[in-house]
């Protein structure tokens, strides 16, 4: 049962990171604006993604580490877009 929960967490995290944030990046690029986004929420999300990435790395858990690393990269790109736009 524990392994099923780990796979479910892996899949949900990967889907959010890849599809959710990539669509947000597309909208930012098309509109050349980050209006409507909360900088505080992006910073909190970055902290959360970094924390889980570090946790996965410390525990050697690839199912936690890799999707959270991807999420950290995507949320970092969104944060960088605040500086650009």
C-alpha atoms as a PDB file:
ATOM      1  CA  UNK A   1       0.000   0.000   0.000  1.00  0.00           C
ATOM      2  CA  UNK A   2       2.824   2.404   0.896  1.00  0.00           C
ATOM      3  CA  UNK A   3       4.395   1.902  -2.524  1.00  0.00           C
ATOM      4  CA  UNK A   4       1.075   2.718  -4.241  1.00  0.00           C
ATOM      5  CA  UNK A   5       0.904   5.989  -2.308  1.00  0.00           C
ATOM      6  CA  UNK A   6       4.496   6.814  -3.291  1.00  0.00           C
ATOM      7  CA  UNK A   7       3.716   6.212  -6.978  1.00  0.00           C
ATOM      8  CA  UNK A   8       0.550   8.296  -6.722  1.00  0.00           C
ATOM      9  CA  UNK A   9       2.496  11.135  -5.103  1.00  0.00           C
ATOM     10  CA  UNK A  10       5.170  10.850  -7.793  1.00  0.00           C
ATOM     11  CA  UNK A  11       2.578  11.033 -10.588  1.00  0.00           C
ATOM     12  CA  UNK A  12       0.606  13.923  -9.073  1.00  0.00           C
ATOM     13  CA  UNK A  13       3.753  15.945  -8.442  1.00  0.00           C
ATOM     14  CA  UNK A  14       5.114  15.324 -11.926  1.00  0.00           C
ATOM     15  CA  UNK A  15       1.807  16.259 -13.587  1.00  0.00           C
ATOM     16  CA  UNK A  16       1.543  19.497 -11.587  1.00  0.00           C
ATOM     17  CA  UNK A  17       5.148  20.454 -12.278  1.00  0.00           C
ATOM     18  CA  UNK A  18       5.131  19.693 -15.982  1.00  0.00           C
ATOM     19  CA  UNK A  19       1.609  20.523 -17.124  1.00  0.00           C
ATOM     20  CA  UNK A  20       0.461  23.080 -14.558  1.00  0.00           C
ATOM     21  CA  UNK A  21       3.541  25.268 -14.449  1.00  0.00           C
ATOM     22  CA  UNK A  22       4.453  24.954 -18.124  1.00  0.00           C
ATOM     23  CA  UNK A  23       1.006  26.303 -19.002  1.00  0.00           C
ATOM     24  CA  UNK A  24       1.539  29.194 -16.578  1.00  0.00           C
ATOM     25  CA  UNK A  25       4.897  29.937 -18.204  1.00  0.00           C
ATOM     26  CA  UNK A  26       3.223  29.906 -21.619  1.00  0.00           C
ATOM     27  CA  UNK A  27       0.642  32.456 -20.445  1.00  0.00           C
ATOM     28  CA  UNK A  28       3.336  34.682 -18.947  1.00  0.00           C
ATOM     29  CA  UNK A  29       5.317  34.573 -22.189  1.00  0.00           C
ATOM     30  CA  UNK A  30       2.295  35.237 -24.418  1.00  0.00           C
ATOM     31  CA  UNK A  31       1.033  38.138 -22.280  1.00  0.00           C
ATOM     32  CA  UNK A  32       4.522  39.429 -21.423  1.00  0.00           C
ATOM     33  CA  UNK A  33       3.199  39.977 -17.910  1.00  0.00           C
ATOM     34  CA  UNK A  34       3.011  38.343 -14.507  1.00  0.00           C
ATOM     35  CA  UNK A  35      -0.032  40.363 -13.478  1.00  0.00           C
ATOM     36  CA  UNK A  36      -2.520  38.273 -11.592  1.00  0.00           C
ATOM     37  CA  UNK A  37       0.215  36.194  -9.977  1.00  0.00           C
ATOM     38  CA  UNK A  38       1.119  36.610  -6.331  1.00  0.00           C
ATOM     39  CA  UNK A  39       4.850  36.954  -5.721  1.00  0.00           C
ATOM     40  CA  UNK A  40       4.366  35.753  -2.138  1.00  0.00           C
ATOM     41  CA  UNK A  41       2.625  32.574  -3.338  1.00  0.00           C
ATOM     42  CA  UNK A  42       5.395  31.923  -5.865  1.00  0.00           C
ATOM     43  CA  UNK A  43       8.030  32.356  -3.137  1.00  0.00           C
ATOM     44  CA  UNK A  44       6.128  30.012  -0.808  1.00  0.00           C
ATOM     45  CA  UNK A  45       5.779  27.464  -3.609  1.00  0.00           C
ATOM     46  CA  UNK A  46       9.520  27.695  -4.295  1.00  0.00           C
ATOM     47  CA  UNK A  47      10.243  27.076  -0.609  1.00  0.00           C
ATOM     48  CA  UNK A  48       7.923  24.049  -0.621  1.00  0.00           C
ATOM     49  CA  UNK A  49       9.408  22.582  -3.827  1.00  0.00           C
ATOM     50  CA  UNK A  50      12.957  23.120  -2.534  1.00  0.00           C
ATOM     51  CA  UNK A  51      12.108  21.518   0.808  1.00  0.00           C
ATOM     52  CA  UNK A  52      10.679  18.371  -0.774  1.00  0.00           C
ATOM     53  CA  UNK A  53      13.566  18.190  -3.245  1.00  0.00           C
ATOM     54  CA  UNK A  54      16.051  18.365  -0.376  1.00  0.00           C
ATOM     55  CA  UNK A  55      14.031  15.804   1.615  1.00  0.00           C
ATOM     56  CA  UNK A  56      14.047  13.372  -1.317  1.00  0.00           C
ATOM     57  CA  UNK A  57      17.774  13.863  -1.786  1.00  0.00           C
ATOM     58  CA  UNK A  58      18.550  13.326   1.905  1.00  0.00           C
ATOM     59  CA  UNK A  59      16.487  10.129   2.019  1.00  0.00           C
ATOM     60  CA  UNK A  60      17.685   8.850  -1.348  1.00  0.00           C
ATOM     61  CA  UNK A  61      14.069   8.654  -2.521  1.00  0.00           C
ATOM     62  CA  UNK A  62      14.052   9.112  -6.297  1.00  0.00           C
ATOM     63  CA  UNK A  63      10.251   9.172  -6.466  1.00  0.00           C
ATOM     64  CA  UNK A  64      10.251  12.247  -4.232  1.00  0.00           C
ATOM     65  CA  UNK A  65      13.447  13.882  -5.475  1.00  0.00           C
ATOM     66  CA  UNK A  66      13.043  13.968  -9.282  1.00  0.00           C
ATOM     67  CA  UNK A  67       9.501  15.330  -9.696  1.00  0.00           C
ATOM     68  CA  UNK A  68      10.161  17.920  -6.995  1.00  0.00           C
ATOM     69  CA  UNK A  69      13.388  18.955  -8.699  1.00  0.00           C
ATOM     70  CA  UNK A  70      11.411  19.494 -11.911  1.00  0.00           C
ATOM     71  CA  UNK A  71       8.849  21.503  -9.938  1.00  0.00           C
ATOM     72  CA  UNK A  72      11.644  23.572  -8.394  1.00  0.00           C
ATOM     73  CA  UNK A  73      13.003  24.357 -11.850  1.00  0.00           C
ATOM     74  CA  UNK A  74       9.594  25.369 -13.229  1.00  0.00           C
ATOM     75  CA  UNK A  75       8.654  27.532 -10.232  1.00  0.00           C
ATOM     76  CA  UNK A  76      12.108  29.144 -10.437  1.00  0.00           C
ATOM     77  CA  UNK A  77      11.408  30.048 -14.057  1.00  0.00           C
ATOM     78  CA  UNK A  78       8.129  31.640 -12.999  1.00  0.00           C
ATOM     79  CA  UNK A  79       9.981  33.579 -10.302  1.00  0.00           C
ATOM     80  CA  UNK A  80      12.550  34.742 -12.870  1.00  0.00           C
ATOM     81  CA  UNK A  81       9.680  35.962 -15.060  1.00  0.00           C
ATOM     82  CA  UNK A  82       8.780  38.395 -12.270  1.00  0.00           C
ATOM     83  CA  UNK A  83      12.202  39.963 -12.806  1.00  0.00           C
ATOM     84  CA  UNK A  84      11.834  40.033 -16.593  1.00  0.00           C
ATOM     85  CA  UNK A  85       8.246  41.288 -16.853  1.00  0.00           C
END
